């Protein structure tokens, strides 16, 4: 029996959005306080976005490694307690004047200055378990650290622009760069050691209080990643390591040119020949890090849309068959029943629906998609079964108050009528209550909605860059008064975590 079969609720709040004084949310005291609030008010889940190091556009869905942790989340106060920093190393840094938005430019420059000081302190007193950590994680850590070190030596350029010998991983080039970048390689290994030390301490704290972590993994990996550089046979690539085809979405009512994501697509025939070994290793690591896994763009396992590399948009792509339920049947043979949420939003074909039935994972329901005044939506609550996870919205949606301003007004009026709301503020409350009262086994609310924030607090607008992934809560916003509302209706509708 999956833990997702039990009636429960939780909050979607990314680590980056936590309060704090160092430019971005971290794994420190504010994360622990957030767990305390979840426990106090009867919650079961803390859902977050991918925790991998971000690359172009600062998106957690575009990472340099599917296995690594984001060093930006390393907490300096905890490092000072452990002797890896002094107060003067970080306290007087100006991280920007806006506490509610991340300045990634400042973060990139200043964080790495502090990281250099961490390495100096670390080398004076190397922890006794550091070598064991590096050995246990060598299957991804060695290549990731080398990849990042070489990238730094090339001024951050994509590995597609490196010299052909190292881009194609000739042994001579690997040996030469490993010697040349030895100190920088250790730098990246140190950061991963410290990240995961803090991560697992926080996870244990949460689990001990009955809070489960829902982690998010993208179906695809970034084209400029150690994953692609190290495992080219897993992807459809040309001889020079550039993609043959890239992932995306076709044109629809929301985008005449579709969505061009740019991720290389998988060579599923090769994965099948290897018994899906790479995917099994990926899932294996996620099972260590998270209690529940949400897999983004789950329909892509049934059919995936791919576009010729170099295309200006997604208009000339085509659908190809994926591995379907076979992949997850193989994974279940390896690990048994899994706590997985399938992100199945959007248009679903009969074969996608059948795949979801075959694997048995709960799909997602979004209330912001429920109130289509033109036709009955599959997301309307009276059509729900128990085996699903209901959200008012996700990181890709506006906040409820933002949606009330940006959505078709006919849809907003329908929502207000359905939810008996006579104002936008009442709509915010009633939409959350509707999710909590629904028959869906699991309910996840967004922290922005619990606080009562408008569209300025939106996390991401798909197919745009420059203004996303920046929202942060202030310490004054994460309070008992906001959580009391959640606790009340969690208890009223039978979702309160059992002690």
Protein backbone atom coordinates (compact mmCIF):
# COMPACT_ATOMS: atom_id res chain seq x y z
CA UNK A 1 0.00 0.00 0.00
CA UNK A 2 1.32 3.44 -0.96
CA UNK A 3 1.32 6.29 1.55
CA UNK A 4 -0.50 8.20 -1.21
CA UNK A 5 -3.52 5.96 -0.61
CA UNK A 6 -4.14 7.68 2.72
CA UNK A 7 -6.09 10.92 3.06
CA UNK A 8 -3.58 13.70 3.71
CA UNK A 9 -2.45 17.20 2.73
CA UNK A 10 0.60 19.41 2.49
CA UNK A 11 2.22 22.53 1.07
CA UNK A 12 4.16 23.25 -2.12
CA UNK A 13 7.05 25.53 -1.17
CA UNK A 14 10.46 25.38 -2.83
CA UNK A 15 13.63 25.66 -0.74
CA UNK A 16 14.61 28.78 -2.70
CA UNK A 17 11.43 30.55 -1.56
CA UNK A 18 12.10 30.24 2.16
CA UNK A 19 12.97 33.41 4.11
CA UNK A 20 16.54 34.21 5.10
CA UNK A 21 19.33 36.76 4.97
CA UNK A 22 21.64 35.30 2.32
CA UNK A 23 19.77 35.99 -0.92
CA UNK A 24 17.93 32.67 -1.29
CA UNK A 25 16.21 30.09 0.89
CA UNK A 26 18.52 27.48 2.40
CA UNK A 27 18.53 24.21 4.33
CA UNK A 28 18.98 26.08 7.60
CA UNK A 29 16.78 27.30 10.46
CA UNK A 30 13.94 28.65 8.29
CA UNK A 31 13.56 25.22 6.67
CA UNK A 32 13.36 23.63 10.13
CA UNK A 33 10.80 26.22 11.23
CA UNK A 34 8.73 25.44 8.16
CA UNK A 35 8.73 21.75 9.12
CA UNK A 36 7.59 22.76 12.60
CA UNK A 37 4.62 24.63 11.14
CA UNK A 38 3.68 21.65 8.97
CA UNK A 39 3.80 19.37 12.00
CA UNK A 40 1.91 21.76 14.28
CA UNK A 41 -0.99 22.11 11.86
CA UNK A 42 -1.46 18.46 10.97
CA UNK A 43 0.19 18.33 7.56
CA UNK A 44 1.82 15.26 6.04
CA UNK A 45 3.72 16.57 3.02
CA UNK A 46 6.25 19.21 2.07
CA UNK A 47 6.43 19.34 -1.71
CA UNK A 48 9.27 21.16 -3.44
CA UNK A 49 10.67 21.67 -6.93
CA UNK A 50 13.80 19.87 -8.20
CA UNK A 51 16.75 20.51 -5.86
CA UNK A 52 19.44 20.09 -8.55
CA UNK A 53 21.92 22.87 -9.45
CA UNK A 54 20.31 25.24 -11.92
CA UNK A 55 21.76 26.24 -15.28
CA UNK A 56 20.55 28.66 -17.96
CA UNK A 57 17.53 30.70 -16.89
CA UNK A 58 17.89 29.57 -13.25
CA UNK A 59 15.18 26.98 -13.79
CA UNK A 60 15.22 23.96 -11.45
CA UNK A 61 13.99 21.98 -14.48
CA UNK A 62 17.23 22.71 -16.37
CA UNK A 63 20.15 21.35 -14.36
CA UNK A 64 23.82 20.54 -14.80
CA UNK A 65 23.15 17.17 -13.15
CA UNK A 66 20.13 15.07 -12.30
CA UNK A 67 22.00 13.62 -9.29
CA UNK A 68 23.64 16.69 -7.73
CA UNK A 69 22.21 19.11 -5.18
CA UNK A 70 22.01 22.88 -5.58
CA UNK A 71 24.90 24.42 -3.61
CA UNK A 72 22.98 27.71 -3.36
CA UNK A 73 20.85 25.96 -0.72
CA UNK A 74 23.81 25.28 1.59
CA UNK A 75 23.21 27.18 4.82
CA UNK A 76 26.05 29.35 6.10
CA UNK A 77 24.92 29.42 9.74
CA UNK A 78 25.12 25.64 9.87
CA UNK A 79 28.55 25.70 8.22
CA UNK A 80 29.76 28.20 10.81
CA UNK A 81 28.62 25.84 13.58
CA UNK A 82 30.53 23.02 11.88
CA UNK A 83 33.70 25.12 11.58
CA UNK A 84 33.68 25.56 7.80
CA UNK A 85 33.05 29.32 7.86
CA UNK A 86 33.69 32.34 10.06
CA UNK A 87 31.09 35.04 10.60
CA UNK A 88 33.23 37.57 8.73
CA UNK A 89 33.23 35.29 5.66
CA UNK A 90 29.57 35.94 4.87
CA UNK A 91 27.71 38.22 7.28
CA UNK A 92 28.43 41.57 5.61
CA UNK A 93 27.60 40.57 2.02
CA UNK A 94 24.90 42.61 0.28
CA UNK A 95 22.55 40.05 -1.27
CA UNK A 96 20.20 42.67 -2.74
CA UNK A 97 17.57 45.03 -1.41
CA UNK A 98 14.45 43.03 -2.32
CA UNK A 99 13.77 40.33 0.27
CA UNK A 100 10.89 38.91 -1.79
CA UNK A 101 12.82 38.22 -4.97
CA UNK A 102 16.08 36.41 -5.68
CA UNK A 103 18.81 38.27 -7.55
CA UNK A 104 20.55 35.38 -9.31
CA UNK A 105 23.28 37.63 -10.69
CA UNK A 106 24.37 38.72 -7.22
CA UNK A 107 23.93 35.18 -5.96
CA UNK A 108 26.25 33.71 -8.60
CA UNK A 109 29.06 36.15 -7.87
CA UNK A 110 28.85 36.31 -4.08
CA UNK A 111 28.04 32.66 -3.38
CA UNK A 112 31.15 31.43 -5.17
CA UNK A 113 33.31 33.86 -3.18
CA UNK A 114 31.98 32.27 0.00
CA UNK A 115 32.37 28.76 -1.46
CA UNK A 116 36.09 29.45 -2.03
CA UNK A 117 36.44 30.30 1.66
CA UNK A 118 34.54 27.13 2.56
CA UNK A 119 37.07 25.08 0.61
CA UNK A 120 39.95 26.70 2.50
CA UNK A 121 38.39 25.93 5.89
CA UNK A 122 37.37 22.44 4.75
CA UNK A 123 40.90 21.49 3.68
CA UNK A 124 42.25 22.42 7.11
CA UNK A 125 40.01 19.85 8.77
CA UNK A 126 38.63 17.34 6.25
CA UNK A 127 35.75 15.34 7.78
CA UNK A 128 36.49 11.68 8.38
CA UNK A 129 33.58 10.56 6.19
CA UNK A 130 34.40 12.75 3.17
CA UNK A 131 36.37 10.10 1.29
CA UNK A 132 33.66 7.52 1.95
CA UNK A 133 31.02 9.94 0.62
CA UNK A 134 33.02 10.52 -2.55
CA UNK A 135 33.53 6.80 -3.07
CA UNK A 136 29.89 5.91 -2.45
CA UNK A 137 28.74 8.53 -4.98
CA UNK A 138 31.56 8.19 -7.47
CA UNK A 139 29.24 6.86 -10.20
CA UNK A 140 27.91 10.41 -10.70
CA UNK A 141 30.05 12.68 -8.52
CA UNK A 142 33.37 12.17 -10.34
CA UNK A 143 31.92 13.07 -13.73
CA UNK A 144 29.83 15.95 -12.36
CA UNK A 145 32.78 17.55 -10.55
CA UNK A 146 35.02 17.16 -13.61
CA UNK A 147 32.28 18.52 -15.88
CA UNK A 148 31.80 21.62 -13.73
CA UNK A 149 35.55 22.19 -13.38
CA UNK A 150 36.06 22.03 -17.14
CA UNK A 151 33.05 24.29 -17.67
CA UNK A 152 34.60 26.87 -15.32
CA UNK A 153 37.86 26.65 -17.22
CA UNK A 154 35.92 27.45 -20.40
CA UNK A 155 34.21 30.48 -18.91
CA UNK A 156 30.94 28.65 -18.38
CA UNK A 157 30.51 27.66 -22.03
CA UNK A 158 28.30 24.73 -22.94
CA UNK A 159 30.22 21.48 -23.37
CA UNK A 160 29.12 21.52 -27.02
CA UNK A 161 31.65 24.36 -27.46
CA UNK A 162 34.58 22.56 -25.83
CA UNK A 163 37.49 21.14 -27.77
CA UNK A 164 36.51 17.95 -29.56
CA UNK A 165 38.82 15.66 -27.55
CA UNK A 166 37.29 16.53 -24.18
CA UNK A 167 33.80 17.04 -25.59
CA UNK A 168 33.97 13.46 -26.92
CA UNK A 169 35.70 12.23 -23.74
CA UNK A 170 38.90 10.78 -25.13
CA UNK A 171 40.84 9.10 -22.32
CA UNK A 172 43.92 11.28 -22.83
CA UNK A 173 41.82 14.43 -22.55
CA UNK A 174 40.00 13.14 -19.47
CA UNK A 175 43.32 12.35 -17.77
CA UNK A 176 44.81 15.72 -18.71
CA UNK A 177 41.84 17.76 -17.53
CA UNK A 178 41.53 15.72 -14.33
CA UNK A 179 45.09 16.65 -13.37
CA UNK A 180 44.77 20.24 -14.54
CA UNK A 181 41.53 20.85 -12.61
CA UNK A 182 42.23 18.75 -9.50
CA UNK A 183 41.62 21.59 -7.03
CA UNK A 184 38.43 22.72 -8.76
CA UNK A 185 37.16 19.13 -8.91
CA UNK A 186 37.60 18.87 -5.15
CA UNK A 187 35.75 22.20 -4.80
CA UNK A 188 32.63 20.74 -6.40
CA UNK A 189 32.88 17.51 -4.42
CA UNK A 190 33.09 19.49 -1.18
CA UNK A 191 29.96 21.45 -2.06
CA UNK A 192 28.04 18.26 -2.78
CA UNK A 193 29.21 16.66 0.46
CA UNK A 194 28.05 19.71 2.43
CA UNK A 195 24.76 19.99 0.58
CA UNK A 196 23.76 16.39 1.19
CA UNK A 197 24.94 16.46 4.80
CA UNK A 198 22.52 19.35 5.40
CA UNK A 199 19.82 17.80 3.21
CA UNK A 200 19.71 14.46 5.01
CA UNK A 201 19.76 16.17 8.41
CA UNK A 202 16.71 18.23 7.40
CA UNK A 203 14.96 15.21 5.89
CA UNK A 204 15.50 13.19 9.08
CA UNK A 205 14.13 16.06 11.15
CA UNK A 206 11.05 16.22 8.93
CA UNK A 207 10.53 12.45 8.86
CA UNK A 208 10.90 12.22 12.65
CA UNK A 209 8.03 14.70 12.91
CA UNK A 210 5.91 12.70 10.48
CA UNK A 211 6.49 15.02 7.49
CA UNK A 212 7.20 13.38 4.13
CA UNK A 213 9.16 15.12 1.37
CA UNK A 214 7.64 15.14 -2.11
CA UNK A 215 10.44 15.69 -4.61
CA UNK A 216 10.05 16.68 -8.23
CA UNK A 217 12.08 15.23 -11.10
CA UNK A 218 11.87 16.44 -14.71
CA UNK A 219 11.36 13.72 -17.30
CA UNK A 220 14.26 15.18 -19.33
CA UNK A 221 17.75 16.40 -18.50
CA UNK A 222 19.48 19.52 -19.75
CA UNK A 223 21.44 19.30 -23.01
CA UNK A 224 24.35 21.01 -21.24
CA UNK A 225 24.73 18.56 -18.37
CA UNK A 226 27.10 15.99 -17.02
CA UNK A 227 24.31 13.45 -17.63
CA UNK A 228 24.45 13.94 -21.41
CA UNK A 229 28.23 14.41 -21.54
CA UNK A 230 28.81 11.22 -19.55
CA UNK A 231 26.03 9.03 -20.97
CA UNK A 232 25.62 10.00 -24.64
CA UNK A 233 24.22 6.61 -25.65
CA UNK A 234 21.14 7.26 -23.53
CA UNK A 235 20.11 10.12 -25.83
CA UNK A 236 19.55 10.69 -29.53
CA UNK A 237 22.72 12.56 -30.41
CA UNK A 238 24.87 13.15 -33.46
CA UNK A 239 28.49 12.04 -33.56
CA UNK A 240 29.59 15.49 -32.36
CA UNK A 241 27.31 15.14 -29.27
CA UNK A 242 24.74 17.68 -30.44
CA UNK A 243 21.11 16.48 -30.33
CA UNK A 244 19.37 14.96 -33.32
CA UNK A 245 16.04 16.01 -31.85
CA UNK A 246 14.91 18.00 -28.85
CA UNK A 247 11.84 17.90 -26.64
CA UNK A 248 8.92 20.28 -26.55
CA UNK A 249 5.18 20.63 -26.97
CA UNK A 250 3.19 21.18 -30.19
CA UNK A 251 1.27 24.36 -30.99
CA UNK A 252 -2.02 24.71 -29.14
CA UNK A 253 -4.56 27.30 -28.10
CA UNK A 254 -2.04 28.87 -25.73
CA UNK A 255 0.97 29.02 -28.08
CA UNK A 256 0.83 29.19 -31.88
CA UNK A 257 4.49 28.14 -32.13
CA UNK A 258 4.37 25.46 -29.41
CA UNK A 259 7.02 25.09 -26.73
CA UNK A 260 10.66 24.43 -27.64
CA UNK A 261 12.28 23.07 -24.47
CA UNK A 262 15.60 22.12 -26.08
CA UNK A 263 16.28 18.99 -23.99
CA UNK A 264 17.70 16.01 -25.90
CA UNK A 265 15.22 13.15 -26.16
CA UNK A 266 16.00 9.64 -24.98
CA UNK A 267 17.06 6.75 -27.17
CA UNK A 268 14.44 4.44 -25.71
CA UNK A 269 15.63 1.44 -27.73
CA UNK A 270 19.02 1.69 -26.05
CA UNK A 271 17.39 2.05 -22.62
CA UNK A 272 15.36 -1.08 -23.28
CA UNK A 273 18.46 -3.04 -24.34
CA UNK A 274 20.17 -2.12 -21.05
CA UNK A 275 17.14 -3.08 -18.96
CA UNK A 276 16.52 0.62 -18.26
CA UNK A 277 19.64 0.67 -16.07
CA UNK A 278 20.10 4.46 -16.22
CA UNK A 279 16.50 5.10 -15.18
CA UNK A 280 16.74 2.55 -12.39
CA UNK A 281 19.82 4.32 -11.04
CA UNK A 282 18.05 7.67 -11.28
CA UNK A 283 14.99 6.39 -9.41
CA UNK A 284 17.21 4.62 -6.87
CA UNK A 285 18.89 7.90 -5.94
CA UNK A 286 15.57 9.75 -5.80
CA UNK A 287 14.22 7.14 -3.38
CA UNK A 288 17.08 8.00 -1.03
CA UNK A 289 16.50 11.74 -1.27
CA UNK A 290 12.69 11.90 -1.24
CA UNK A 291 9.78 10.04 0.33
CA UNK A 292 7.51 10.61 -2.69
CA UNK A 293 8.53 11.39 -6.27
CA UNK A 294 6.52 13.58 -8.62
CA UNK A 295 7.56 12.94 -12.24
CA UNK A 296 7.05 15.93 -14.50
CA UNK A 297 5.49 15.50 -17.99
CA UNK A 298 4.51 11.91 -17.33
CA UNK A 299 2.63 11.60 -20.60
CA UNK A 300 6.02 11.76 -22.35
CA UNK A 301 6.62 8.13 -21.39
CA UNK A 302 3.70 7.12 -23.60
CA UNK A 303 4.35 9.49 -26.49
CA UNK A 304 6.82 12.33 -26.69
CA UNK A 305 6.92 15.32 -29.01
CA UNK A 306 10.30 15.91 -30.62
CA UNK A 307 11.55 18.70 -32.86
CA UNK A 308 14.57 18.63 -35.21
CA UNK A 309 17.57 20.24 -33.50
CA UNK A 310 18.10 23.82 -34.65
CA UNK A 311 14.42 24.51 -35.37
CA UNK A 312 13.33 28.06 -34.47
CA UNK A 313 10.12 26.81 -32.85
CA UNK A 314 8.08 23.67 -32.19
CA UNK A 315 5.81 23.78 -35.25
CA UNK A 316 7.58 21.05 -37.26
CA UNK A 317 7.87 18.36 -34.59
CA UNK A 318 6.30 14.93 -34.45
CA UNK A 319 5.07 12.45 -31.88
CA UNK A 320 7.04 9.27 -31.18
CA UNK A 321 6.23 6.29 -28.98
CA UNK A 322 7.91 6.04 -25.59
CA UNK A 323 8.41 2.99 -23.37
CA UNK A 324 4.95 3.25 -21.82
CA UNK A 325 4.17 1.22 -18.72
CA UNK A 326 7.00 -1.22 -19.53
CA UNK A 327 9.57 1.12 -17.97
CA UNK A 328 7.72 1.30 -14.67
CA UNK A 329 6.99 -2.41 -14.58
CA UNK A 330 10.75 -2.95 -14.81
CA UNK A 331 11.35 -0.35 -12.10
CA UNK A 332 8.75 -1.99 -9.83
CA UNK A 333 10.52 -5.33 -10.28
CA UNK A 334 13.65 -3.64 -8.92
CA UNK A 335 12.17 -1.55 -6.08
CA UNK A 336 8.67 -2.84 -5.41
CA UNK A 337 5.69 -0.50 -5.18
CA UNK A 338 6.68 3.13 -5.46
CA UNK A 339 5.28 6.38 -4.05
CA UNK A 340 5.09 8.26 -7.36
CA UNK A 341 2.82 11.11 -8.48
CA UNK A 342 2.33 11.31 -12.25
CA UNK A 343 2.09 14.83 -13.66
CA UNK A 344 -0.57 14.11 -16.28
CA UNK A 345 -1.91 17.60 -16.94
CA UNK A 346 -3.10 18.70 -20.34
CA UNK A 347 -4.64 16.78 -23.21
CA UNK A 348 -4.54 13.03 -22.60
CA UNK A 349 -4.96 10.40 -25.29
CA UNK A 350 -6.56 7.02 -24.66
CA UNK A 351 -3.11 5.40 -24.57
CA UNK A 352 -1.87 7.83 -21.91
CA UNK A 353 -4.96 7.14 -19.80
CA UNK A 354 -4.39 3.40 -20.18
CA UNK A 355 -0.71 3.76 -19.19
CA UNK A 356 -1.74 5.55 -16.00
CA UNK A 357 -4.18 2.78 -15.20
CA UNK A 358 -1.51 0.17 -15.83
CA UNK A 359 1.08 1.77 -13.54
CA UNK A 360 -1.48 2.76 -10.88
CA UNK A 361 0.19 6.04 -9.91
CA UNK A 362 -2.11 8.90 -8.87
CA UNK A 363 -2.40 11.70 -11.41
CA UNK A 364 -2.96 15.39 -10.77
CA UNK A 365 -6.07 17.58 -10.66
CA UNK A 366 -5.83 21.38 -10.89
CA UNK A 367 -8.72 23.51 -9.70
CA UNK A 368 -7.61 26.44 -11.84
CA UNK A 369 -8.32 24.20 -14.84
CA UNK A 370 -11.70 23.10 -13.49
CA UNK A 371 -13.81 26.16 -14.19
CA UNK A 372 -14.13 26.27 -17.96
CA UNK A 373 -17.38 28.11 -18.60
CA UNK A 374 -17.59 26.71 -22.16
CA UNK A 375 -17.63 22.97 -21.37
CA UNK A 376 -17.35 20.52 -18.48
CA UNK A 377 -13.73 20.08 -17.46
CA UNK A 378 -12.19 16.80 -16.34
CA UNK A 379 -10.77 18.78 -13.41
CA UNK A 380 -14.15 19.69 -11.92
CA UNK A 381 -14.18 18.18 -8.39
CA UNK A 382 -17.37 16.10 -8.72
CA UNK A 383 -15.58 13.94 -11.33
CA UNK A 384 -12.61 13.06 -9.08
CA UNK A 385 -11.75 9.57 -7.97
CA UNK A 386 -9.76 8.89 -4.81
CA UNK A 387 -6.47 8.00 -6.56
CA UNK A 388 -5.31 11.50 -7.43
CA UNK A 389 -3.57 14.55 -6.00
CA UNK A 390 -5.52 17.81 -6.08
CA UNK A 391 -3.84 21.21 -6.34
CA UNK A 392 -5.33 24.68 -6.68
CA UNK A 393 -2.32 25.41 -8.93
CA UNK A 394 1.35 24.53 -9.35
CA UNK A 395 4.62 26.40 -9.93
CA UNK A 396 3.52 26.93 -13.56
CA UNK A 397 0.22 28.58 -12.59
CA UNK A 398 -0.67 31.99 -11.32
CA UNK A 399 -1.66 32.36 -7.67
CA UNK A 400 -5.39 32.15 -7.01
CA UNK A 401 -5.65 35.93 -6.62
CA UNK A 402 -3.54 36.36 -9.74
CA UNK A 403 -5.73 33.88 -11.64
CA UNK A 404 -8.84 35.85 -10.64
CA UNK A 405 -7.36 38.83 -12.50
CA UNK A 406 -5.66 37.08 -15.45
CA UNK A 407 -8.10 34.27 -16.39
CA UNK A 408 -11.13 34.61 -18.67
CA UNK A 409 -13.64 36.51 -16.59
CA UNK A 410 -16.39 34.08 -17.60
CA UNK A 411 -14.34 31.29 -16.02
CA UNK A 412 -13.70 33.34 -12.88
CA UNK A 413 -17.41 34.07 -12.53
CA UNK A 414 -18.18 30.36 -12.97
CA UNK A 415 -15.64 29.54 -10.24
CA UNK A 416 -17.18 32.10 -7.90
CA UNK A 417 -20.65 30.69 -8.51
CA UNK A 418 -19.46 27.10 -8.02
CA UNK A 419 -17.58 28.00 -4.84
CA UNK A 420 -20.17 30.47 -3.49
CA UNK A 421 -17.62 33.30 -3.45
CA UNK A 422 -18.62 36.94 -3.80
CA UNK A 423 -15.10 38.40 -3.98
CA UNK A 424 -11.58 37.49 -5.11
CA UNK A 425 -10.51 37.05 -1.49
CA UNK A 426 -13.44 34.74 -0.80
CA UNK A 427 -12.56 32.84 -3.99
CA UNK A 428 -9.01 32.32 -2.69
CA UNK A 429 -10.28 30.79 0.53
CA UNK A 430 -13.06 28.71 -1.02
CA UNK A 431 -10.82 27.25 -3.73
CA UNK A 432 -8.42 25.97 -1.08
CA UNK A 433 -11.32 24.64 1.01
CA UNK A 434 -12.72 22.93 -2.10
CA UNK A 435 -9.40 21.15 -2.67
CA UNK A 436 -9.17 20.06 0.96
CA UNK A 437 -12.76 18.83 1.03
CA UNK A 438 -12.52 16.86 -2.24
CA UNK A 439 -12.36 13.06 -2.35
CA UNK A 440 -8.79 13.13 -3.71
CA UNK A 441 -6.52 11.19 -1.37
CA UNK A 442 -3.88 13.89 -1.39
CA UNK A 443 -4.24 17.69 -1.41
CA UNK A 444 -1.32 20.07 -1.92
CA UNK A 445 -1.76 23.84 -1.56
CA UNK A 446 0.70 26.52 -2.69
CA UNK A 447 2.28 28.64 0.01
CA UNK A 448 1.57 31.84 -1.95
CA UNK A 449 -2.15 31.06 -1.81
CA UNK A 450 -2.06 30.32 1.89
CA UNK A 451 -0.37 33.68 2.50
CA UNK A 452 -2.80 35.43 0.14
CA UNK A 453 -0.46 36.82 -2.52
CA UNK A 454 -1.33 38.09 -5.99
CA UNK A 455 0.28 37.37 -9.36
CA UNK A 456 3.50 39.14 -8.41
CA UNK A 457 4.34 36.02 -6.38
CA UNK A 458 3.92 33.64 -9.32
CA UNK A 459 6.84 31.22 -9.56
CA UNK A 460 6.98 30.58 -13.31
CA UNK A 461 5.39 31.61 -16.59
CA UNK A 462 6.12 28.74 -19.04
CA UNK A 463 8.05 29.56 -22.21
CA UNK A 464 9.47 32.78 -20.74
CA UNK A 465 12.83 33.61 -19.17
CA UNK A 466 14.14 36.43 -17.04
CA UNK A 467 11.52 36.86 -14.33
CA UNK A 468 10.88 33.30 -13.13
CA UNK A 469 11.88 31.25 -10.07
CA UNK A 470 12.51 34.39 -7.99
CA UNK A 471 9.68 34.56 -5.46
CA UNK A 472 10.51 34.36 -1.76
CA UNK A 473 8.39 34.56 1.34
CA UNK A 474 9.32 36.86 4.18
CA UNK A 475 9.55 35.67 7.77
CA UNK A 476 6.50 37.80 8.60
CA UNK A 477 4.39 35.89 6.05
CA UNK A 478 5.02 32.39 7.41
CA UNK A 479 3.03 32.70 10.58
CA UNK A 480 0.56 30.86 12.79
CA UNK A 481 -2.27 33.04 11.53
CA UNK A 482 -1.80 31.78 7.97
CA UNK A 483 -1.39 28.16 9.01
CA UNK A 484 -4.40 28.19 11.34
CA UNK A 485 -6.70 28.36 8.31
CA UNK A 486 -4.99 25.30 6.84
CA UNK A 487 -5.04 23.41 10.13
CA UNK A 488 -8.74 24.07 10.63
CA UNK A 489 -9.86 22.67 7.29
CA UNK A 490 -7.28 19.90 7.29
CA UNK A 491 -8.89 18.61 10.47
CA UNK A 492 -12.46 19.28 9.37
CA UNK A 493 -12.06 17.26 6.15
CA UNK A 494 -10.22 14.30 7.59
CA UNK A 495 -6.71 15.05 6.34
CA UNK A 496 -5.01 15.77 9.68
CA UNK A 497 -1.85 13.72 10.11
CA UNK A 498 -2.26 10.99 12.72
CA UNK A 499 0.23 11.26 15.57
